[in-house]
Amino acid sequence: MPVATEAHHRRIAEMTYASVHPHYVTKVEKKGRSQAELQEVLTWLTGYTEADIASHISRKTTFVEFFAEATLNPRAELVTGVICGYRIEELDNELTRKVRVLDKLVDELAKGRSMEKILR
């Protein structure tokens, strides 16, 4: 497994949510899931409404800002496993871990996992 370097953490911190959201939409829709289901996952993790997500996209907030303004679901710590080659529970950078939790939830949605299991 790759090691998450400081450069990796910095790249994630500087990335905008707006640059990633279309990829999430494409990924879930390609696998037969809906934007409404994606929004349900986003709301569960962050507390954001559809309007909140649209605001983050239009403001081009970085992941630092995106998660700083979120009310993270306390059950998010139950999300474990490997995503993008990184084991979530071993990531020592809090922001990188939150982004990888989001990636993992989107991945589970795209893979057809039931909402009940995704939302733990």
N, C-alpha and C. Protein backbone atom coordinates (compact mmCIF):
# COMPACT_ATOMS: atom_id res chain seq x y z
N MET A 1 0.84 -1.19 0.00
CA MET A 1 0.00 0.00 0.00
C MET A 1 0.87 1.24 0.00
N PRO A 2 0.41 2.27 -0.72
CA PRO A 2 1.21 3.51 -0.75
C PRO A 2 1.20 4.21 0.61
N VAL A 3 2.22 5.00 0.82
CA VAL A 3 2.33 5.77 2.06
C VAL A 3 1.82 7.18 1.76
N ALA A 4 0.95 7.68 2.60
CA ALA A 4 0.42 9.03 2.43
C ALA A 4 1.48 10.03 2.90
N THR A 5 2.05 10.76 1.95
CA THR A 5 3.11 11.73 2.25
C THR A 5 2.52 13.10 2.55
N GLU A 6 3.36 13.99 3.03
CA GLU A 6 2.92 15.37 3.27
C GLU A 6 2.46 16.03 1.97
N ALA A 7 3.14 15.71 0.87
CA ALA A 7 2.74 16.26 -0.44
C ALA A 7 1.34 15.76 -0.81
N HIS A 8 1.07 14.50 -0.51
CA HIS A 8 -0.26 13.93 -0.77
C HIS A 8 -1.32 14.66 0.06
N HIS A 9 -1.04 14.86 1.33
CA HIS A 9 -1.99 15.57 2.21
C HIS A 9 -2.21 17.00 1.72
N ARG A 10 -1.16 17.67 1.31
CA ARG A 10 -1.26 19.04 0.83
C ARG A 10 -2.10 19.11 -0.45
N ARG A 11 -1.89 18.14 -1.36
CA ARG A 11 -2.65 18.11 -2.62
C ARG A 11 -4.15 17.96 -2.33
N ILE A 12 -4.49 17.08 -1.39
CA ILE A 12 -5.90 16.89 -1.03
C ILE A 12 -6.46 18.16 -0.40
N ALA A 13 -5.70 18.80 0.47
CA ALA A 13 -6.16 20.02 1.15
C ALA A 13 -6.44 21.15 0.16
N GLU A 14 -5.66 21.22 -0.90
CA GLU A 14 -5.80 22.29 -1.89
C GLU A 14 -6.86 21.99 -2.95
N MET A 15 -7.28 20.74 -3.05
CA MET A 15 -8.26 20.34 -4.05
C MET A 15 -9.63 20.94 -3.71
N THR A 16 -10.36 21.36 -4.73
CA THR A 16 -11.70 21.90 -4.48
C THR A 16 -12.73 20.78 -4.55
N TYR A 17 -13.78 20.95 -3.74
CA TYR A 17 -14.87 19.97 -3.81
C TYR A 17 -15.51 20.00 -5.19
N ALA A 18 -15.60 21.19 -5.79
CA ALA A 18 -16.20 21.35 -7.11
C ALA A 18 -15.49 20.52 -8.17
N SER A 19 -14.19 20.32 -8.01
CA SER A 19 -13.44 19.54 -9.00
C SER A 19 -13.71 18.04 -8.89
N VAL A 20 -14.20 17.60 -7.75
CA VAL A 20 -14.41 16.17 -7.50
C VAL A 20 -15.88 15.76 -7.66
N HIS A 21 -16.79 16.65 -7.32
CA HIS A 21 -18.23 16.31 -7.33
C HIS A 21 -18.71 15.72 -8.66
N PRO A 22 -18.34 16.31 -9.82
CA PRO A 22 -18.81 15.70 -11.08
C PRO A 22 -18.34 14.25 -11.26
N HIS A 23 -17.18 13.94 -10.74
CA HIS A 23 -16.68 12.56 -10.83
C HIS A 23 -17.51 11.62 -9.95
N TYR A 24 -17.93 12.11 -8.78
CA TYR A 24 -18.81 11.32 -7.93
C TYR A 24 -20.13 11.04 -8.65
N VAL A 25 -20.69 12.08 -9.25
CA VAL A 25 -21.97 11.93 -9.96
C VAL A 25 -21.83 10.92 -11.09
N THR A 26 -20.80 11.08 -11.90
CA THR A 26 -20.57 10.16 -13.02
C THR A 26 -20.40 8.74 -12.54
N LYS A 27 -19.62 8.56 -11.49
CA LYS A 27 -19.35 7.22 -10.97
C LYS A 27 -20.62 6.52 -10.51
N VAL A 28 -21.45 7.21 -9.75
CA VAL A 28 -22.66 6.55 -9.24
C VAL A 28 -23.70 6.35 -10.34
N GLU A 29 -23.84 7.32 -11.24
CA GLU A 29 -24.84 7.18 -12.31
C GLU A 29 -24.46 6.08 -13.30
N LYS A 30 -23.16 5.93 -13.55
CA LYS A 30 -22.69 4.89 -14.46
C LYS A 30 -23.05 3.51 -13.94
N LYS A 31 -23.18 3.41 -12.62
CA LYS A 31 -23.50 2.13 -11.98
C LYS A 31 -24.98 2.01 -11.62
N GLY A 32 -25.80 2.93 -12.16
CA GLY A 32 -27.24 2.83 -11.96
C GLY A 32 -27.77 3.43 -10.68
N ARG A 33 -26.96 4.20 -9.99
CA ARG A 33 -27.44 4.88 -8.78
C ARG A 33 -27.78 6.32 -9.14
N SER A 34 -28.49 7.01 -8.27
CA SER A 34 -29.00 8.35 -8.60
C SER A 34 -28.25 9.45 -7.85
N GLN A 35 -28.42 10.67 -8.37
CA GLN A 35 -27.87 11.84 -7.68
C GLN A 35 -28.54 12.02 -6.32
N ALA A 36 -29.81 11.63 -6.23
CA ALA A 36 -30.53 11.72 -4.95
C ALA A 36 -29.88 10.81 -3.91
N GLU A 37 -29.46 9.62 -4.34
CA GLU A 37 -28.79 8.71 -3.41
C GLU A 37 -27.42 9.26 -3.01
N LEU A 38 -26.72 9.86 -3.98
CA LEU A 38 -25.44 10.50 -3.67
C LEU A 38 -25.66 11.61 -2.64
N GLN A 39 -26.70 12.41 -2.84
CA GLN A 39 -27.00 13.49 -1.90
C GLN A 39 -27.32 12.92 -0.51
N GLU A 40 -28.01 11.81 -0.46
CA GLU A 40 -28.32 11.19 0.83
C GLU A 40 -27.04 10.80 1.57
N VAL A 41 -26.08 10.26 0.82
CA VAL A 41 -24.78 9.89 1.41
C VAL A 41 -24.04 11.15 1.89
N LEU A 42 -24.04 12.19 1.06
CA LEU A 42 -23.37 13.45 1.42
C LEU A 42 -23.99 14.06 2.67
N THR A 43 -25.31 14.05 2.74
CA THR A 43 -26.02 14.60 3.89
C THR A 43 -25.71 13.80 5.14
N TRP A 44 -25.70 12.48 5.02
CA TRP A 44 -25.40 11.62 6.17
C TRP A 44 -24.01 11.94 6.72
N LEU A 45 -23.02 12.07 5.83
CA LEU A 45 -21.65 12.29 6.28
C LEU A 45 -21.42 13.70 6.79
N THR A 46 -21.93 14.71 6.08
CA THR A 46 -21.56 16.10 6.35
C THR A 46 -22.65 16.95 6.98
N GLY A 47 -23.90 16.51 6.87
CA GLY A 47 -25.02 17.33 7.32
C GLY A 47 -25.47 18.34 6.28
N TYR A 48 -24.81 18.37 5.13
CA TYR A 48 -25.12 19.35 4.09
C TYR A 48 -26.40 19.01 3.33
N THR A 49 -27.18 20.05 3.04
CA THR A 49 -28.35 19.92 2.18
C THR A 49 -27.88 20.03 0.72
N GLU A 50 -28.80 19.81 -0.19
CA GLU A 50 -28.49 19.97 -1.61
C GLU A 50 -28.03 21.40 -1.90
N ALA A 51 -28.67 22.37 -1.27
CA ALA A 51 -28.30 23.79 -1.45
C ALA A 51 -26.90 24.05 -0.89
N ASP A 52 -26.56 23.42 0.23
CA ASP A 52 -25.22 23.58 0.80
C ASP A 52 -24.16 23.05 -0.17
N ILE A 53 -24.43 21.89 -0.75
CA ILE A 53 -23.48 21.29 -1.70
C ILE A 53 -23.33 22.21 -2.91
N ALA A 54 -24.46 22.71 -3.42
CA ALA A 54 -24.41 23.64 -4.56
C ALA A 54 -23.59 24.87 -4.22
N SER A 55 -23.71 25.36 -3.01
CA SER A 55 -22.94 26.52 -2.57
C SER A 55 -21.45 26.21 -2.55
N HIS A 56 -21.09 25.05 -2.04
CA HIS A 56 -19.67 24.67 -2.01
C HIS A 56 -19.11 24.55 -3.43
N ILE A 57 -19.93 24.04 -4.32
CA ILE A 57 -19.49 23.91 -5.71
C ILE A 57 -19.31 25.29 -6.34
N SER A 58 -20.28 26.17 -6.15
CA SER A 58 -20.18 27.51 -6.77
C SER A 58 -19.07 28.35 -6.15
N ARG A 59 -18.82 28.17 -4.85
CA ARG A 59 -17.75 28.93 -4.19
C ARG A 59 -16.37 28.30 -4.40
N LYS A 60 -16.37 27.10 -4.99
CA LYS A 60 -15.12 26.38 -5.22
C LYS A 60 -14.30 26.23 -3.93
N THR A 61 -14.98 25.79 -2.88
CA THR A 61 -14.31 25.61 -1.60
C THR A 61 -13.33 24.45 -1.67
N THR A 62 -12.23 24.59 -0.96
CA THR A 62 -11.27 23.49 -0.86
C THR A 62 -11.84 22.45 0.09
N PHE A 63 -11.22 21.28 0.10
CA PHE A 63 -11.66 20.25 1.05
C PHE A 63 -11.46 20.71 2.49
N VAL A 64 -10.46 21.57 2.73
CA VAL A 64 -10.27 22.12 4.08
C VAL A 64 -11.54 22.87 4.49
N GLU A 65 -12.01 23.76 3.64
CA GLU A 65 -13.21 24.55 3.93
C GLU A 65 -14.45 23.67 3.97
N PHE A 66 -14.54 22.73 3.02
CA PHE A 66 -15.69 21.84 2.91
C PHE A 66 -15.92 21.09 4.22
N PHE A 67 -14.86 20.51 4.77
CA PHE A 67 -15.01 19.73 6.00
C PHE A 67 -15.02 20.61 7.25
N ALA A 68 -14.40 21.80 7.19
CA ALA A 68 -14.43 22.71 8.35
C ALA A 68 -15.85 23.19 8.63
N GLU A 69 -16.64 23.35 7.58
CA GLU A 69 -18.02 23.83 7.71
C GLU A 69 -19.02 22.70 7.93
N ALA A 70 -18.58 21.46 7.80
CA ALA A 70 -19.47 20.31 7.92
C ALA A 70 -19.69 19.93 9.38
N THR A 71 -20.82 19.27 9.61
CA THR A 71 -21.09 18.64 10.89
C THR A 71 -20.96 17.15 10.63
N LEU A 72 -19.77 16.63 10.86
CA LEU A 72 -19.48 15.25 10.50
C LEU A 72 -20.29 14.28 11.36
N ASN A 73 -20.87 13.30 10.71
CA ASN A 73 -21.64 12.27 11.40
C ASN A 73 -20.69 11.50 12.33
N PRO A 74 -21.03 11.36 13.61
CA PRO A 74 -20.15 10.63 14.53
C PRO A 74 -19.93 9.18 14.11
N ARG A 75 -20.86 8.63 13.35
CA ARG A 75 -20.72 7.24 12.91
C ARG A 75 -19.76 7.10 11.72
N ALA A 76 -19.24 8.22 11.22
CA ALA A 76 -18.28 8.18 10.11
C ALA A 76 -17.03 7.40 10.50
N GLU A 77 -16.73 7.37 11.80
CA GLU A 77 -15.54 6.63 12.25
C GLU A 77 -15.70 5.13 12.04
N LEU A 78 -16.91 4.67 11.77
CA LEU A 78 -17.15 3.25 11.50
C LEU A 78 -16.78 2.87 10.07
N VAL A 79 -16.50 3.87 9.22
CA VAL A 79 -16.13 3.62 7.83
C VAL A 79 -14.65 3.24 7.82
N THR A 80 -14.39 2.01 7.41
CA THR A 80 -13.02 1.51 7.37
C THR A 80 -12.79 0.81 6.04
N GLY A 81 -11.57 0.37 5.82
CA GLY A 81 -11.26 -0.37 4.62
C GLY A 81 -10.27 0.38 3.75
N VAL A 82 -10.11 -0.13 2.54
CA VAL A 82 -9.13 0.43 1.62
C VAL A 82 -9.84 1.19 0.51
N ILE A 83 -9.34 2.39 0.23
CA ILE A 83 -9.85 3.19 -0.89
C ILE A 83 -8.65 3.90 -1.51
N CYS A 84 -8.57 3.84 -2.82
CA CYS A 84 -7.47 4.48 -3.56
C CYS A 84 -6.11 3.97 -3.05
N GLY A 85 -6.08 2.74 -2.57
CA GLY A 85 -4.84 2.14 -2.09
C GLY A 85 -4.47 2.47 -0.66
N TYR A 86 -5.29 3.27 0.01
CA TYR A 86 -4.99 3.68 1.39
C TYR A 86 -5.98 3.04 2.35
N ARG A 87 -5.49 2.51 3.46
CA ARG A 87 -6.36 1.98 4.51
C ARG A 87 -6.81 3.15 5.36
N ILE A 88 -8.11 3.42 5.33
CA ILE A 88 -8.68 4.61 5.98
C ILE A 88 -8.26 4.72 7.44
N GLU A 89 -8.41 3.64 8.17
CA GLU A 89 -8.16 3.70 9.62
C GLU A 89 -6.68 3.91 9.96
N GLU A 90 -5.78 3.80 8.99
CA GLU A 90 -4.36 4.02 9.25
C GLU A 90 -3.88 5.41 8.85
N LEU A 91 -4.76 6.20 8.23
CA LEU A 91 -4.37 7.55 7.82
C LEU A 91 -4.24 8.45 9.04
N ASP A 92 -3.11 9.10 9.19
CA ASP A 92 -2.88 9.93 10.37
C ASP A 92 -3.24 11.39 10.16
N ASN A 93 -3.56 11.77 8.93
CA ASN A 93 -3.96 13.14 8.65
C ASN A 93 -5.49 13.19 8.66
N GLU A 94 -6.05 14.00 9.55
CA GLU A 94 -7.50 14.04 9.74
C GLU A 94 -8.27 14.40 8.47
N LEU A 95 -7.80 15.43 7.74
CA LEU A 95 -8.49 15.84 6.52
C LEU A 95 -8.43 14.75 5.46
N THR A 96 -7.26 14.17 5.26
CA THR A 96 -7.13 13.10 4.27
C THR A 96 -8.05 11.94 4.63
N ARG A 97 -8.15 11.61 5.90
CA ARG A 97 -9.03 10.53 6.35
C ARG A 97 -10.49 10.87 6.02
N LYS A 98 -10.91 12.10 6.28
CA LYS A 98 -12.30 12.50 5.98
C LYS A 98 -12.60 12.40 4.49
N VAL A 99 -11.66 12.85 3.67
CA VAL A 99 -11.86 12.79 2.21
C VAL A 99 -11.93 11.34 1.76
N ARG A 100 -11.08 10.49 2.32
CA ARG A 100 -11.10 9.07 1.95
C ARG A 100 -12.36 8.37 2.45
N VAL A 101 -12.91 8.81 3.58
CA VAL A 101 -14.20 8.27 4.03
C VAL A 101 -15.27 8.64 3.01
N LEU A 102 -15.28 9.88 2.56
CA LEU A 102 -16.23 10.30 1.53
C LEU A 102 -16.05 9.46 0.27
N ASP A 103 -14.81 9.29 -0.18
CA ASP A 103 -14.54 8.47 -1.36
C ASP A 103 -15.06 7.05 -1.17
N LYS A 104 -14.85 6.49 0.01
CA LYS A 104 -15.28 5.11 0.30
C LYS A 104 -16.81 5.00 0.25
N LEU A 105 -17.51 5.97 0.81
CA LEU A 105 -18.98 5.94 0.79
C LEU A 105 -19.50 6.02 -0.64
N VAL A 106 -18.91 6.90 -1.44
CA VAL A 106 -19.31 7.02 -2.85
C VAL A 106 -19.02 5.71 -3.59
N ASP A 107 -17.88 5.11 -3.30
CA ASP A 107 -17.51 3.84 -3.92
C ASP A 107 -18.51 2.75 -3.54
N GLU A 108 -18.89 2.69 -2.28
CA GLU A 108 -19.86 1.69 -1.84
C GLU A 108 -21.21 1.90 -2.53
N LEU A 109 -21.61 3.15 -2.69
CA LEU A 109 -22.85 3.45 -3.40
C LEU A 109 -22.76 2.97 -4.84
N ALA A 110 -21.66 3.27 -5.50
CA ALA A 110 -21.49 2.87 -6.90
C ALA A 110 -21.44 1.35 -7.06
N LYS A 111 -20.94 0.67 -6.04
CA LYS A 111 -20.84 -0.79 -6.12
C LYS A 111 -22.16 -1.49 -5.79
N GLY A 112 -23.20 -0.72 -5.52
CA GLY A 112 -24.51 -1.30 -5.31
C GLY A 112 -24.83 -1.71 -3.88
N ARG A 113 -24.01 -1.30 -2.95
CA ARG A 113 -24.28 -1.62 -1.55
C ARG A 113 -25.58 -0.95 -1.11
N SER A 114 -26.33 -1.56 -0.24
CA SER A 114 -27.59 -0.99 0.21
C SER A 114 -27.33 0.27 1.04
N MET A 115 -28.27 1.20 0.97
CA MET A 115 -28.14 2.46 1.72
C MET A 115 -28.06 2.17 3.22
N GLU A 116 -28.77 1.18 3.67
CA GLU A 116 -28.75 0.82 5.09
C GLU A 116 -27.33 0.48 5.54
N LYS A 117 -26.60 -0.24 4.72
CA LYS A 117 -25.22 -0.61 5.07
C LYS A 117 -24.26 0.56 4.88
N ILE A 118 -24.46 1.35 3.83
CA ILE A 118 -23.60 2.50 3.58
C ILE A 118 -23.69 3.49 4.74
N LEU A 119 -24.90 3.75 5.20
CA LEU A 119 -25.14 4.75 6.23
C LEU A 119 -24.97 4.21 7.64
N ARG A 120 -24.51 3.00 7.75
CA ARG A 120 -24.13 2.38 9.02
C ARG A 120 -25.04 2.76 10.16
